[in-house]
Amino acid sequence: MAPTTPSHASTSGNSQQAGQPVTPPQHHDVPMDTDEEGEEEITPAHPSSHKDEVKKLKRKLRDLGQQHNVLLDNAKNNAKVAQSKIETLEEQVAKLLSRTEEMHKDAEESRRLYREHIEHMSSLAVTGKDPGEILRPRQPEPFNGDSDKLQGFLTNLRSYHLYYPIQFTTDELKVRHAIGFLKDKALRWFEPIIRDYVTKPRHERKEMTQYIYKKYENFEKELKSAFGTIDEKHMAEMKIR
């Protein structure tokens, strides 16, 4: 039996495959996604820098707390000072109102005494006697050196002298009469002058003694200088305010 001869087609196909070079398969590089591309590099905070920030914040909070306490203390002190000034002003206003009322009363009393003086002088021309001998006016209250009572004391003295124009014909007599109503601090202040007046002749008396007894206005002036200073200073301060 003869051997089988391979067909041409099969031979040609095999020969073609054998004659053509075989091209190896191409491999394409595919980029791989990585986390490193497109992202910022994050540097972890150092533990010591975090502690420093915390310390700074605590220090700022402590400083703010101290500033708050200082402001609060200043506010409290200012409130106390303001309250004290208000109370002082209220006291000054009360004193001023009281003084004004006293001056008003003194003015009313002076006007009343002046009207009486006119009437008394008219009766003096008729009777030839001092009005005081007929009416018996009340003598002034003694003066102890209280500055608030000084003006009233001087006013009452002058009005009393008006009742006795015959008895108090000279300034020296008026001064001698007025000195008799001094007591306590006022009398202690005037005592050296009184002693000089009653123990020495006229030509040997001190200049101040002669000055006071020479004119009644001088006696009033020295009395105001000694015991009216506080009141006058207070009134001056009130006018300035």
Foldseek 3Di string as FASTA:
>chain_A
DDDDDDDPVVVVVVVVVVVDDDDDDDDDDDDDDDPVPPDDDDDDDDVVVVVVVVVVVVVVVVVVVVVVVVVVVVVVVVVVVVVVVVVVVVVLVVVVVVLVVVVVVLVVVLVVLVVVLVVQVVVCVVPVAQQCVVVVDDQAAADELALSCLVVRVSRLVSVCSSHCPQCVAQLSSLVVSLVRYDHPRVVVCVVLVCQVVPDDPVPGDPLSCQCSRHVVSVSVVSCVRRNVVVVVSVVVVVVD
